[in-house]
Amino acid sequence: MRLKSALWVAAYLRRCQVEGLYAVVRRRGAEEAGAIFVRISRLDGTSDLFGPAPQSAFDATPVGERAFSASLREQPAADATVEAYLAREMKFDPDIWIVEVEDRAGRNFLDIVAG
């Protein structure tokens, strides 16, 4: 069984805080199972964007865990490109979560958070 999106996001925010990073929920999605997108702002006009991995990635992921993959081919991408991508996703699925993290090094900790 997979953790609810709200609980996963809370744990992820805590992990970022422990590592000394500033992270916020920019958009709250569906509490139970909203898709989660994580934007890592490098504070130089570029960002990395991670979203739900394609179904094929779940074959290698333990049952119940969330898998993430880069949402854009170019990482980091210009902030305007990331914003345009997120706007399309919000139009397609109004239940998405958007978590924003600020880190010049681009650390994301997505392989550390369980759930």
PDB file of N, CA and C in Angstrom:
ATOM      1  N   MET A   1       0.841  -1.178   0.000  1.00  0.00           N
ATOM      2  CA  MET A   1       0.000   0.000   0.000  1.00  0.00           C
ATOM      3  C   MET A   1       0.882   1.237   0.000  1.00  0.00           C
ATOM      4  N   ARG A   2       0.521   2.222  -0.785  1.00  0.00           N
ATOM      5  CA  ARG A   2       1.317   3.435  -0.935  1.00  0.00           C
ATOM      6  C   ARG A   2       0.841   4.517   0.029  1.00  0.00           C
ATOM      7  N   LEU A   3       1.803   5.310   0.526  1.00  0.00           N
ATOM      8  CA  LEU A   3       1.462   6.434   1.395  1.00  0.00           C
ATOM      9  C   LEU A   3       0.602   7.443   0.655  1.00  0.00           C
ATOM     10  N   LYS A   4      -0.273   8.089   1.381  1.00  0.00           N
ATOM     11  CA  LYS A   4      -1.057   9.172   0.796  1.00  0.00           C
ATOM     12  C   LYS A   4      -0.110  10.285   0.367  1.00  0.00           C
ATOM     13  N   SER A   5      -0.499  10.999  -0.663  1.00  0.00           N
ATOM     14  CA  SER A   5       0.354  12.074  -1.192  1.00  0.00           C
ATOM     15  C   SER A   5       0.684  13.103  -0.119  1.00  0.00           C
ATOM     16  N   ALA A   6      -0.306  13.487   0.677  1.00  0.00           N
ATOM     17  CA  ALA A   6      -0.089  14.513   1.705  1.00  0.00           C
ATOM     18  C   ALA A   6       0.968  14.066   2.714  1.00  0.00           C
ATOM     19  N   LEU A   7       0.947  12.821   3.103  1.00  0.00           N
ATOM     20  CA  LEU A   7       1.919  12.302   4.070  1.00  0.00           C
ATOM     21  C   LEU A   7       3.312  12.217   3.440  1.00  0.00           C
ATOM     22  N   TRP A   8       3.381  11.765   2.176  1.00  0.00           N
ATOM     23  CA  TRP A   8       4.666  11.697   1.484  1.00  0.00           C
ATOM     24  C   TRP A   8       5.286  13.084   1.380  1.00  0.00           C
ATOM     25  N   VAL A   9       4.485  14.074   1.004  1.00  0.00           N
ATOM     26  CA  VAL A   9       4.988  15.442   0.863  1.00  0.00           C
ATOM     27  C   VAL A   9       5.494  15.957   2.204  1.00  0.00           C
ATOM     28  N   ALA A  10       4.752  15.708   3.282  1.00  0.00           N
ATOM     29  CA  ALA A  10       5.189  16.156   4.611  1.00  0.00           C
ATOM     30  C   ALA A  10       6.537  15.538   4.979  1.00  0.00           C
ATOM     31  N   ALA A  11       6.711  14.251   4.684  1.00  0.00           N
ATOM     32  CA  ALA A  11       7.982  13.581   4.977  1.00  0.00           C
ATOM     33  C   ALA A  11       9.106  14.144   4.112  1.00  0.00           C
ATOM     34  N   TYR A  12       8.801  14.424   2.867  1.00  0.00           N
ATOM     35  CA  TYR A  12       9.813  14.980   1.963  1.00  0.00           C
ATOM     36  C   TYR A  12      10.245  16.376   2.409  1.00  0.00           C
ATOM     37  N   LEU A  13       9.297  17.197   2.804  1.00  0.00           N
ATOM     38  CA  LEU A  13       9.630  18.539   3.300  1.00  0.00           C
ATOM     39  C   LEU A  13      10.518  18.451   4.538  1.00  0.00           C
ATOM     40  N   ARG A  14      10.215  17.517   5.401  1.00  0.00           N
ATOM     41  CA  ARG A  14      11.016  17.326   6.615  1.00  0.00           C
ATOM     42  C   ARG A  14      12.435  16.900   6.245  1.00  0.00           C
ATOM     43  N   ARG A  15      12.550  15.997   5.270  1.00  0.00           N
ATOM     44  CA  ARG A  15      13.880  15.540   4.842  1.00  0.00           C
ATOM     45  C   ARG A  15      14.708  16.710   4.313  1.00  0.00           C
ATOM     46  N   CYS A  16      14.078  17.552   3.506  1.00  0.00           N
ATOM     47  CA  CYS A  16      14.775  18.725   2.980  1.00  0.00           C
ATOM     48  C   CYS A  16      15.202  19.653   4.110  1.00  0.00           C
ATOM     49  N   GLN A  17      14.324  19.828   5.086  1.00  0.00           N
ATOM     50  CA  GLN A  17      14.637  20.692   6.220  1.00  0.00           C
ATOM     51  C   GLN A  17      15.838  20.141   7.000  1.00  0.00           C
ATOM     52  N   VAL A  18      15.870  18.837   7.204  1.00  0.00           N
ATOM     53  CA  VAL A  18      16.982  18.199   7.914  1.00  0.00           C
ATOM     54  C   VAL A  18      18.299  18.452   7.184  1.00  0.00           C
ATOM     55  N   GLU A  19      18.250  18.476   5.857  1.00  0.00           N
ATOM     56  CA  GLU A  19      19.443  18.705   5.046  1.00  0.00           C
ATOM     57  C   GLU A  19      19.784  20.188   4.911  1.00  0.00           C
ATOM     58  N   GLY A  20      18.973  21.066   5.520  1.00  0.00           N
ATOM     59  CA  GLY A  20      19.260  22.497   5.496  1.00  0.00           C
ATOM     60  C   GLY A  20      18.749  23.220   4.259  1.00  0.00           C
ATOM     61  N   LEU A  21      17.816  22.618   3.542  1.00  0.00           N
ATOM     62  CA  LEU A  21      17.277  23.228   2.334  1.00  0.00           C
ATOM     63  C   LEU A  21      15.924  23.877   2.616  1.00  0.00           C
ATOM     64  N   TYR A  22      15.629  24.923   1.849  1.00  0.00           N
ATOM     65  CA  TYR A  22      14.333  25.575   1.928  1.00  0.00           C
ATOM     66  C   TYR A  22      13.403  24.867   0.955  1.00  0.00           C
ATOM     67  N   ALA A  23      12.280  24.357   1.439  1.00  0.00           N
ATOM     68  CA  ALA A  23      11.314  23.649   0.592  1.00  0.00           C
ATOM     69  C   ALA A  23       9.903  24.025   1.027  1.00  0.00           C
ATOM     70  N   VAL A  24       9.038  24.228   0.045  1.00  0.00           N
ATOM     71  CA  VAL A  24       7.648  24.602   0.328  1.00  0.00           C
ATOM     72  C   VAL A  24       6.704  23.865  -0.621  1.00  0.00           C
ATOM     73  N   VAL A  25       5.455  23.767  -0.190  1.00  0.00           N
ATOM     74  CA  VAL A  25       4.396  23.267  -1.056  1.00  0.00           C
ATOM     75  C   VAL A  25       3.856  24.466  -1.807  1.00  0.00           C
ATOM     76  N   ARG A  26       4.048  24.464  -3.093  1.00  0.00           N
ATOM     77  CA  ARG A  26       3.542  25.561  -3.916  1.00  0.00           C
ATOM     78  C   ARG A  26       2.085  25.330  -4.298  1.00  0.00           C
ATOM     79  N   ARG A  27       1.732  24.082  -4.467  1.00  0.00           N
ATOM     80  CA  ARG A  27       0.355  23.744  -4.828  1.00  0.00           C
ATOM     81  C   ARG A  27      -0.026  22.441  -4.133  1.00  0.00           C
ATOM     82  N   ARG A  28      -1.139  22.492  -3.416  1.00  0.00           N
ATOM     83  CA  ARG A  28      -1.661  21.292  -2.755  1.00  0.00           C
ATOM     84  C   ARG A  28      -2.580  20.565  -3.723  1.00  0.00           C
ATOM     85  N   GLY A  29      -2.361  19.293  -3.847  1.00  0.00           N
ATOM     86  CA  GLY A  29      -3.189  18.474  -4.719  1.00  0.00           C
ATOM     87  C   GLY A  29      -4.122  17.592  -3.917  1.00  0.00           C
ATOM     88  N   ALA A  30      -4.556  16.530  -4.536  1.00  0.00           N
ATOM     89  CA  ALA A  30      -5.442  15.573  -3.883  1.00  0.00           C
ATOM     90  C   ALA A  30      -4.703  14.916  -2.720  1.00  0.00           C
ATOM     91  N   GLU A  31      -5.320  14.906  -1.555  1.00  0.00           N
ATOM     92  CA  GLU A  31      -4.695  14.373  -0.336  1.00  0.00           C
ATOM     93  C   GLU A  31      -4.317  12.894  -0.468  1.00  0.00           C
ATOM     94  N   GLU A  32      -5.190  12.126  -1.106  1.00  0.00           N
ATOM     95  CA  GLU A  32      -5.002  10.682  -1.158  1.00  0.00           C
ATOM     96  C   GLU A  32      -3.965  10.236  -2.181  1.00  0.00           C
ATOM     97  N   ALA A  33      -4.130  10.676  -3.419  1.00  0.00           N
ATOM     98  CA  ALA A  33      -3.289  10.111  -4.477  1.00  0.00           C
ATOM     99  C   ALA A  33      -2.945  11.100  -5.585  1.00  0.00           C
ATOM    100  N   GLY A  34      -2.811  12.370  -5.274  1.00  0.00           N
ATOM    101  CA  GLY A  34      -2.429  13.342  -6.288  1.00  0.00           C
ATOM    102  C   GLY A  34      -1.000  13.119  -6.751  1.00  0.00           C
ATOM    103  N   ALA A  35      -0.774  13.326  -8.040  1.00  0.00           N
ATOM    104  CA  ALA A  35       0.584  13.213  -8.584  1.00  0.00           C
ATOM    105  C   ALA A  35       1.454  14.312  -7.983  1.00  0.00           C
ATOM    106  N   ILE A  36       2.713  14.000  -7.728  1.00  0.00           N
ATOM    107  CA  ILE A  36       3.630  14.949  -7.076  1.00  0.00           C
ATOM    108  C   ILE A  36       4.740  15.322  -8.054  1.00  0.00           C
ATOM    109  N   PHE A  37       4.953  16.628  -8.203  1.00  0.00           N
ATOM    110  CA  PHE A  37       6.060  17.152  -8.997  1.00  0.00           C
ATOM    111  C   PHE A  37       6.980  17.903  -8.050  1.00  0.00           C
ATOM    112  N   VAL A  38       8.279  17.674  -8.185  1.00  0.00           N
ATOM    113  CA  VAL A  38       9.284  18.322  -7.341  1.00  0.00           C
ATOM    114  C   VAL A  38      10.166  19.172  -8.237  1.00  0.00           C
ATOM    115  N   ARG A  39      10.184  20.465  -7.934  1.00  0.00           N
ATOM    116  CA  ARG A  39      11.021  21.414  -8.683  1.00  0.00           C
ATOM    117  C   ARG A  39      12.194  21.810  -7.802  1.00  0.00           C
ATOM    118  N   ILE A  40      13.392  21.636  -8.323  1.00  0.00           N
ATOM    119  CA  ILE A  40      14.603  22.010  -7.603  1.00  0.00           C
ATOM    120  C   ILE A  40      15.147  23.278  -8.265  1.00  0.00           C
ATOM    121  N   SER A  41      14.945  24.409  -7.610  1.00  0.00           N
ATOM    122  CA  SER A  41      15.450  25.675  -8.144  1.00  0.00           C
ATOM    123  C   SER A  41      16.927  25.808  -7.795  1.00  0.00           C
ATOM    124  N   ARG A  42      17.725  26.044  -8.808  1.00  0.00           N
ATOM    125  CA  ARG A  42      19.164  26.206  -8.596  1.00  0.00           C
ATOM    126  C   ARG A  42      19.541  27.659  -8.325  1.00  0.00           C
ATOM    127  N   LEU A  43      18.543  28.535  -8.243  1.00  0.00           N
ATOM    128  CA  LEU A  43      18.713  29.943  -7.883  1.00  0.00           C
ATOM    129  C   LEU A  43      19.566  30.717  -8.878  1.00  0.00           C
ATOM    130  N   ASP A  44      19.611  30.226 -10.118  1.00  0.00           N
ATOM    131  CA  ASP A  44      20.359  30.922 -11.163  1.00  0.00           C
ATOM    132  C   ASP A  44      19.528  31.075 -12.435  1.00  0.00           C
ATOM    133  N   GLY A  45      18.212  30.937 -12.287  1.00  0.00           N
ATOM    134  CA  GLY A  45      17.323  31.017 -13.445  1.00  0.00           C
ATOM    135  C   GLY A  45      17.044  29.675 -14.095  1.00  0.00           C
ATOM    136  N   THR A  46      17.543  28.595 -13.473  1.00  0.00           N
ATOM    137  CA  THR A  46      17.285  27.248 -13.977  1.00  0.00           C
ATOM    138  C   THR A  46      16.752  26.368 -12.852  1.00  0.00           C
ATOM    139  N   SER A  47      16.074  25.306 -13.239  1.00  0.00           N
ATOM    140  CA  SER A  47      15.515  24.355 -12.272  1.00  0.00           C
ATOM    141  C   SER A  47      15.530  22.954 -12.851  1.00  0.00           C
ATOM    142  N   ASP A  48      15.542  21.972 -11.965  1.00  0.00           N
ATOM    143  CA  ASP A  48      15.325  20.578 -12.333  1.00  0.00           C
ATOM    144  C   ASP A  48      13.875  20.281 -11.984  1.00  0.00           C
ATOM    145  N   LEU A  49      13.227  19.440 -12.760  1.00  0.00           N
ATOM    146  CA  LEU A  49      11.837  19.082 -12.488  1.00  0.00           C
ATOM    147  C   LEU A  49      11.696  17.573 -12.537  1.00  0.00           C
ATOM    148  N   PHE A  50      11.115  17.016 -11.486  1.00  0.00           N
ATOM    149  CA  PHE A  50      10.889  15.584 -11.380  1.00  0.00           C
ATOM    150  C   PHE A  50       9.408  15.338 -11.164  1.00  0.00           C
ATOM    151  N   GLY A  51       8.900  14.311 -11.802  1.00  0.00           N
ATOM    152  CA  GLY A  51       7.496  13.945 -11.673  1.00  0.00           C
ATOM    153  C   GLY A  51       7.362  12.445 -11.582  1.00  0.00           C
ATOM    154  N   PRO A  52       6.115  11.974 -11.553  1.00  0.00           N
ATOM    155  CA  PRO A  52       5.898  10.530 -11.472  1.00  0.00           C
ATOM    156  C   PRO A  52       6.587   9.808 -12.635  1.00  0.00           C
ATOM    157  N   ALA A  53       7.262   8.740 -12.306  1.00  0.00           N
ATOM    158  CA  ALA A  53       7.967   7.954 -13.331  1.00  0.00           C
ATOM    159  C   ALA A  53       6.961   7.194 -14.184  1.00  0.00           C
ATOM    160  N   PRO A  54       7.330   6.871 -15.413  1.00  0.00           N
ATOM    161  CA  PRO A  54       6.445   6.058 -16.250  1.00  0.00           C
ATOM    162  C   PRO A  54       6.211   4.686 -15.620  1.00  0.00           C
ATOM    163  N   GLN A  55       5.135   4.057 -16.001  1.00  0.00           N
ATOM    164  CA  GLN A  55       4.753   2.773 -15.421  1.00  0.00           C
ATOM    165  C   GLN A  55       5.870   1.738 -15.501  1.00  0.00           C
ATOM    166  N   SER A  56       6.680   1.787 -16.548  1.00  0.00           N
ATOM    167  CA  SER A  56       7.764   0.798 -16.700  1.00  0.00           C
ATOM    168  C   SER A  56       8.784   0.889 -15.566  1.00  0.00           C
ATOM    169  N   ALA A  57       8.914   2.044 -14.940  1.00  0.00           N
ATOM    170  CA  ALA A  57       9.868   2.205 -13.838  1.00  0.00           C
ATOM    171  C   ALA A  57       9.413   1.480 -12.581  1.00  0.00           C
ATOM    172  N   PHE A  58       8.120   1.182 -12.497  1.00  0.00           N
ATOM    173  CA  PHE A  58       7.616   0.551 -11.286  1.00  0.00           C
ATOM    174  C   PHE A  58       7.982  -0.925 -11.198  1.00  0.00           C
ATOM    175  N   ASP A  59       8.443  -1.504 -12.294  1.00  0.00           N
ATOM    176  CA  ASP A  59       8.892  -2.892 -12.259  1.00  0.00           C
ATOM    177  C   ASP A  59      10.124  -3.026 -11.375  1.00  0.00           C
ATOM    178  N   ALA A  60      10.950  -1.976 -11.313  1.00  0.00           N
ATOM    179  CA  ALA A  60      12.181  -2.010 -10.523  1.00  0.00           C
ATOM    180  C   ALA A  60      12.001  -1.364  -9.153  1.00  0.00           C
ATOM    181  N   THR A  61      10.814  -0.809  -8.894  1.00  0.00           N
ATOM    182  CA  THR A  61      10.552  -0.111  -7.638  1.00  0.00           C
ATOM    183  C   THR A  61       9.804  -1.037  -6.692  1.00  0.00           C
ATOM    184  N   PRO A  62      10.240  -1.129  -5.436  1.00  0.00           N
ATOM    185  CA  PRO A  62       9.511  -1.963  -4.485  1.00  0.00           C
ATOM    186  C   PRO A  62       8.046  -1.535  -4.395  1.00  0.00           C
ATOM    187  N   VAL A  63       7.175  -2.504  -4.171  1.00  0.00           N
ATOM    188  CA  VAL A  63       5.737  -2.236  -4.094  1.00  0.00           C
ATOM    189  C   VAL A  63       5.460  -1.170  -3.040  1.00  0.00           C
ATOM    190  N   GLY A  64       4.651  -0.193  -3.412  1.00  0.00           N
ATOM    191  CA  GLY A  64       4.248   0.837  -2.467  1.00  0.00           C
ATOM    192  C   GLY A  64       5.107   2.084  -2.481  1.00  0.00           C
ATOM    193  N   GLU A  65       6.252   2.054  -3.135  1.00  0.00           N
ATOM    194  CA  GLU A  65       7.111   3.240  -3.161  1.00  0.00           C
ATOM    195  C   GLU A  65       6.809   4.096  -4.370  1.00  0.00           C
ATOM    196  N   ARG A  66       7.068   5.373  -4.234  1.00  0.00           N
ATOM    197  CA  ARG A  66       6.908   6.304  -5.350  1.00  0.00           C
ATOM    198  C   ARG A  66       8.208   6.332  -6.149  1.00  0.00           C
ATOM    199  N   ALA A  67       8.059   6.370  -7.444  1.00  0.00           N
ATOM    200  CA  ALA A  67       9.218   6.469  -8.326  1.00  0.00           C
ATOM    201  C   ALA A  67       9.133   7.790  -9.081  1.00  0.00           C
ATOM    202  N   PHE A  68      10.261   8.477  -9.185  1.00  0.00           N
ATOM    203  CA  PHE A  68      10.316   9.764  -9.878  1.00  0.00           C
ATOM    204  C   PHE A  68      11.299   9.680 -11.029  1.00  0.00           C
ATOM    205  N   SER A  69      11.038  10.496 -12.038  1.00  0.00           N
ATOM    206  CA  SER A  69      11.974  10.611 -13.148  1.00  0.00           C
ATOM    207  C   SER A  69      11.999  12.069 -13.584  1.00  0.00           C
ATOM    208  N   ALA A  70      13.035  12.429 -14.323  1.00  0.00           N
ATOM    209  CA  ALA A  70      13.132  13.795 -14.829  1.00  0.00           C
ATOM    210  C   ALA A  70      11.962  14.051 -15.777  1.00  0.00           C
ATOM    211  N   SER A  71      11.306  15.178 -15.607  1.00  0.00           N
ATOM    212  CA  SER A  71      10.145  15.515 -16.433  1.00  0.00           C
ATOM    213  C   SER A  71      10.547  16.173 -17.745  1.00  0.00           C
ATOM    214  N   LEU A  72      11.727  16.743 -17.782  1.00  0.00           N
ATOM    215  CA  LEU A  72      12.210  17.424 -18.973  1.00  0.00           C
ATOM    216  C   LEU A  72      13.513  16.778 -19.438  1.00  0.00           C
ATOM    217  N   ARG A  73      13.734  16.780 -20.735  1.00  0.00           N
ATOM    218  CA  ARG A  73      14.968  16.187 -21.265  1.00  0.00           C
ATOM    219  C   ARG A  73      16.198  16.942 -20.783  1.00  0.00           C
ATOM    220  N   GLU A  74      16.131  18.249 -20.798  1.00  0.00           N
ATOM    221  CA  GLU A  74      17.254  19.091 -20.386  1.00  0.00           C
ATOM    222  C   GLU A  74      17.116  19.391 -18.899  1.00  0.00           C
ATOM    223  N   GLN A  75      18.123  18.981 -18.136  1.00  0.00           N
ATOM    224  CA  GLN A  75      18.124  19.244 -16.701  1.00  0.00           C
ATOM    225  C   GLN A  75      19.477  19.840 -16.343  1.00  0.00           C
ATOM    226  N   PRO A  76      19.587  21.002 -15.769  1.00  0.00           N
ATOM    227  CA  PRO A  76      18.484  21.904 -15.449  1.00  0.00           C
ATOM    228  C   PRO A  76      17.963  22.607 -16.704  1.00  0.00           C
ATOM    229  N   ALA A  77      16.715  23.051 -16.606  1.00  0.00           N
ATOM    230  CA  ALA A  77      16.062  23.769 -17.697  1.00  0.00           C
ATOM    231  C   ALA A  77      15.774  25.200 -17.243  1.00  0.00           C
ATOM    232  N   ALA A  78      15.547  26.068 -18.193  1.00  0.00           N
ATOM    233  CA  ALA A  78      15.203  27.451 -17.870  1.00  0.00           C
ATOM    234  C   ALA A  78      13.905  27.472 -17.066  1.00  0.00           C
ATOM    235  N   ASP A  79      13.829  28.381 -16.102  1.00  0.00           N
ATOM    236  CA  ASP A  79      12.640  28.475 -15.253  1.00  0.00           C
ATOM    237  C   ASP A  79      11.363  28.657 -16.069  1.00  0.00           C
ATOM    238  N   ALA A  80      11.433  29.401 -17.163  1.00  0.00           N
ATOM    239  CA  ALA A  80      10.248  29.613 -18.005  1.00  0.00           C
ATOM    240  C   ALA A  80       9.777  28.292 -18.616  1.00  0.00           C
ATOM    241  N   THR A  81      10.697  27.436 -18.983  1.00  0.00           N
ATOM    242  CA  THR A  81      10.352  26.125 -19.538  1.00  0.00           C
ATOM    243  C   THR A  81       9.678  25.257 -18.484  1.00  0.00           C
ATOM    244  N   VAL A  82      10.204  25.301 -17.269  1.00  0.00           N
ATOM    245  CA  VAL A  82       9.633  24.527 -16.166  1.00  0.00           C
ATOM    246  C   VAL A  82       8.227  25.030 -15.860  1.00  0.00           C
ATOM    247  N   GLU A  83       8.056  26.344 -15.814  1.00  0.00           N
ATOM    248  CA  GLU A  83       6.730  26.918 -15.540  1.00  0.00           C
ATOM    249  C   GLU A  83       5.721  26.523 -16.605  1.00  0.00           C
ATOM    250  N   ALA A  84       6.122  26.546 -17.862  1.00  0.00           N
ATOM    251  CA  ALA A  84       5.224  26.166 -18.954  1.00  0.00           C
ATOM    252  C   ALA A  84       4.811  24.692 -18.814  1.00  0.00           C
ATOM    253  N   TYR A  85       5.755  23.835 -18.474  1.00  0.00           N
ATOM    254  CA  TYR A  85       5.460  22.416 -18.289  1.00  0.00           C
ATOM    255  C   TYR A  85       4.457  22.230 -17.153  1.00  0.00           C
ATOM    256  N   LEU A  86       4.699  22.900 -16.022  1.00  0.00           N
ATOM    257  CA  LEU A  86       3.799  22.768 -14.877  1.00  0.00           C
ATOM    258  C   LEU A  86       2.408  23.313 -15.194  1.00  0.00           C
ATOM    259  N   ALA A  87       2.325  24.384 -15.955  1.00  0.00           N
ATOM    260  CA  ALA A  87       1.025  24.939 -16.342  1.00  0.00           C
ATOM    261  C   ALA A  87       0.235  23.924 -17.170  1.00  0.00           C
ATOM    262  N   ARG A  88       0.911  23.236 -18.084  1.00  0.00           N
ATOM    263  CA  ARG A  88       0.238  22.195 -18.883  1.00  0.00           C
ATOM    264  C   ARG A  88      -0.232  21.049 -17.994  1.00  0.00           C
ATOM    265  N   GLU A  89       0.605  20.656 -17.047  1.00  0.00           N
ATOM    266  CA  GLU A  89       0.220  19.566 -16.144  1.00  0.00           C
ATOM    267  C   GLU A  89      -0.987  19.954 -15.280  1.00  0.00           C
ATOM    268  N   MET A  90      -1.017  21.199 -14.789  1.00  0.00           N
ATOM    269  CA  MET A  90      -2.145  21.651 -13.967  1.00  0.00           C
ATOM    270  C   MET A  90      -3.441  21.685 -14.772  1.00  0.00           C
ATOM    271  N   LYS A  91      -3.335  22.032 -16.049  1.00  0.00           N
ATOM    272  CA  LYS A  91      -4.508  22.030 -16.919  1.00  0.00           C
ATOM    273  C   LYS A  91      -5.017  20.603 -17.128  1.00  0.00           C
ATOM    274  N   PHE A  92      -4.083  19.681 -17.331  1.00  0.00           N
ATOM    275  CA  PHE A  92      -4.414  18.285 -17.566  1.00  0.00           C
ATOM    276  C   PHE A  92      -4.948  17.613 -16.301  1.00  0.00           C
ATOM    277  N   ASP A  93      -4.311  17.888 -15.158  1.00  0.00           N
ATOM    278  CA  ASP A  93      -4.676  17.247 -13.893  1.00  0.00           C
ATOM    279  C   ASP A  93      -4.676  18.286 -12.777  1.00  0.00           C
ATOM    280  N   PRO A  94      -5.839  18.779 -12.382  1.00  0.00           N
ATOM    281  CA  PRO A  94      -5.896  19.813 -11.342  1.00  0.00           C
ATOM    282  C   PRO A  94      -5.562  19.301  -9.938  1.00  0.00           C
ATOM    283  N   ASP A  95      -5.347  18.000  -9.780  1.00  0.00           N
ATOM    284  CA  ASP A  95      -5.061  17.424  -8.465  1.00  0.00           C
ATOM    285  C   ASP A  95      -3.583  17.233  -8.168  1.00  0.00           C
ATOM    286  N   ILE A  96      -2.694  17.829  -8.977  1.00  0.00           N
ATOM    287  CA  ILE A  96      -1.258  17.619  -8.763  1.00  0.00           C
ATOM    288  C   ILE A  96      -0.741  18.442  -7.581  1.00  0.00           C
ATOM    289  N   TRP A  97       0.312  17.939  -6.995  1.00  0.00           N
ATOM    290  CA  TRP A  97       1.080  18.652  -5.975  1.00  0.00           C
ATOM    291  C   TRP A  97       2.317  19.221  -6.653  1.00  0.00           C
ATOM    292  N   ILE A  98       2.732  20.415  -6.213  1.00  0.00           N
ATOM    293  CA  ILE A  98       4.014  20.971  -6.663  1.00  0.00           C
ATOM    294  C   ILE A  98       4.802  21.354  -5.415  1.00  0.00           C
ATOM    295  N   VAL A  99       5.968  20.741  -5.272  1.00  0.00           N
ATOM    296  CA  VAL A  99       6.869  21.033  -4.159  1.00  0.00           C
ATOM    297  C   VAL A  99       8.078  21.740  -4.746  1.00  0.00           C
ATOM    298  N   GLU A 100       8.457  22.864  -4.160  1.00  0.00           N
ATOM    299  CA  GLU A 100       9.624  23.607  -4.641  1.00  0.00           C
ATOM    300  C   GLU A 100      10.716  23.585  -3.583  1.00  0.00           C
ATOM    301  N   VAL A 101      11.923  23.289  -4.059  1.00  0.00           N
ATOM    302  CA  VAL A 101      13.106  23.218  -3.203  1.00  0.00           C
ATOM    303  C   VAL A 101      14.150  24.156  -3.782  1.00  0.00           C
ATOM    304  N   GLU A 102      14.855  24.858  -2.915  1.00  0.00           N
ATOM    305  CA  GLU A 102      15.951  25.720  -3.370  1.00  0.00           C
ATOM    306  C   GLU A 102      17.275  25.093  -2.974  1.00  0.00           C
ATOM    307  N   ASP A 103      18.103  24.806  -3.982  1.00  0.00           N
ATOM    308  CA  ASP A 103      19.427  24.256  -3.728  1.00  0.00           C
ATOM    309  C   ASP A 103      20.319  24.501  -4.933  1.00  0.00           C
ATOM    310  N   ARG A 104      21.352  25.281  -4.748  1.00  0.00           N
ATOM    311  CA  ARG A 104      22.269  25.594  -5.852  1.00  0.00           C
ATOM    312  C   ARG A 104      22.925  24.338  -6.433  1.00  0.00           C
ATOM    313  N   ALA A 105      23.121  23.321  -5.612  1.00  0.00           N
ATOM    314  CA  ALA A 105      23.758  22.085  -6.065  1.00  0.00           C
ATOM    315  C   ALA A 105      22.784  21.151  -6.772  1.00  0.00           C
ATOM    316  N   GLY A 106      21.494  21.408  -6.677  1.00  0.00           N
ATOM    317  CA  GLY A 106      20.505  20.587  -7.357  1.00  0.00           C
ATOM    318  C   GLY A 106      20.183  19.269  -6.673  1.00  0.00           C
ATOM    319  N   ARG A 107      20.482  19.166  -5.379  1.00  0.00           N
ATOM    320  CA  ARG A 107      20.166  17.921  -4.652  1.00  0.00           C
ATOM    321  C   ARG A 107      18.647  17.766  -4.559  1.00  0.00           C
ATOM    322  N   ASN A 108      18.165  16.527  -4.669  1.00  0.00           N
ATOM    323  CA  ASN A 108      16.711  16.335  -4.620  1.00  0.00           C
ATOM    324  C   ASN A 108      16.243  15.322  -3.579  1.00  0.00           C
ATOM    325  N   PHE A 109      17.057  14.392  -3.150  1.00  0.00           N
ATOM    326  CA  PHE A 109      16.734  13.399  -2.114  1.00  0.00           C
ATOM    327  C   PHE A 109      15.556  12.511  -2.466  1.00  0.00           C
ATOM    328  N   LEU A 110      15.214  12.419  -3.729  1.00  0.00           N
ATOM    329  CA  LEU A 110      14.050  11.607  -4.107  1.00  0.00           C
ATOM    330  C   LEU A 110      14.309  10.117  -3.991  1.00  0.00           C
ATOM    331  N   ASP A 111      15.551   9.706  -3.971  1.00  0.00           N
ATOM    332  CA  ASP A 111      15.865   8.292  -3.792  1.00  0.00           C
ATOM    333  C   ASP A 111      15.953   7.906  -2.322  1.00  0.00           C
ATOM    334  N   ILE A 112      15.855   8.897  -1.431  1.00  0.00           N
ATOM    335  CA  ILE A 112      15.998   8.646  -0.001  1.00  0.00           C
ATOM    336  C   ILE A 112      14.639   8.517   0.672  1.00  0.00           C
ATOM    337  N   VAL A 113      13.681   9.323   0.268  1.00  0.00           N
ATOM    338  CA  VAL A 113      12.372   9.336   0.892  1.00  0.00           C
ATOM    339  C   VAL A 113      11.627   8.069   0.503  1.00  0.00           C
ATOM    340  N   ALA A 114      11.155   7.337   1.484  1.00  0.00           N
ATOM    341  CA  ALA A 114      10.389   6.124   1.216  1.00  0.00           C
ATOM    342  C   ALA A 114       8.908   6.456   1.154  1.00  0.00           C
ATOM    343  N   GLY A 115       8.173   5.593   0.520  1.00  0.00           N
ATOM    344  CA  GLY A 115       6.737   5.774   0.556  1.00  0.00           C
ATOM    345  C   GLY A 115       6.125   5.685  -0.748  1.00  0.00           C
TER     346      GLY A 115
END
